[in-house]
C-alpha atoms as a PDB file:
ATOM      1  CA  PHE A   1     -33.501 -57.758-152.572  1.00  0.00           C
ATOM      2  CA  GLU A   2     -35.749 -59.811-154.801  1.00  0.00           C
ATOM      3  CA  ASP A   3     -37.449 -56.654-155.983  1.00  0.00           C
ATOM      4  CA  LEU A   4     -34.252 -55.366-157.581  1.00  0.00           C
ATOM      5  CA  PRO A   5     -33.834 -55.542-161.387  1.00  0.00           C
ATOM      6  CA  ASP A   6     -31.794 -58.404-162.773  1.00  0.00           C
ATOM      7  CA  ASP A   7     -29.219 -55.943-163.986  1.00  0.00           C
ATOM      8  CA  TRP A   8     -28.827 -54.290-160.589  1.00  0.00           C
ATOM      9  CA  LEU A   9     -25.314 -53.788-159.349  1.00  0.00           C
ATOM     10  CA  CYS A  10     -24.170 -53.575-155.699  1.00  0.00           C
ATOM     11  CA  PRO A  11     -23.325 -49.829-155.220  1.00  0.00           C
ATOM     12  CA  LEU A  12     -20.515 -50.784-152.802  1.00  0.00           C
ATOM     13  CA  CYS A  13     -18.831 -53.607-154.710  1.00  0.00           C
ATOM     14  CA  GLY A  14     -20.212 -53.402-158.188  1.00  0.00           C
ATOM     15  CA  VAL A  15     -21.202 -57.144-158.101  1.00  0.00           C
ATOM     16  CA  ALA A  16     -24.228 -58.144-160.187  1.00  0.00           C
ATOM     17  CA  LYS A  17     -27.348 -59.492-158.581  1.00  0.00           C
ATOM     18  CA  SER A  18     -26.744 -62.751-160.437  1.00  0.00           C
ATOM     19  CA  GLU A  19     -23.398 -63.087-158.652  1.00  0.00           C
ATOM     20  CA  PHE A  20     -25.089 -62.718-155.229  1.00  0.00           C
ATOM     21  CA  LYS A  21     -27.457 -65.518-156.249  1.00  0.00           C
ATOM     22  CA  LYS A  22     -24.497 -67.808-156.867  1.00  0.00           C
ATOM     23  CA  VAL A  23     -23.003 -67.016-153.447  1.00  0.00           C
ATOM     24  CA  GLU A  24     -26.241 -67.645-151.621  1.00  0.00           C
ATOM     25  CA  ALA A  25     -26.954 -70.886-153.436  1.00  0.00           C
END
């Protein structure tokens, strides 16, 4: 996951990688 670009979007939900970071934090 960390290897994905910062502008990557989840193909299933369209959520940005930065949004996932917030959820995990």
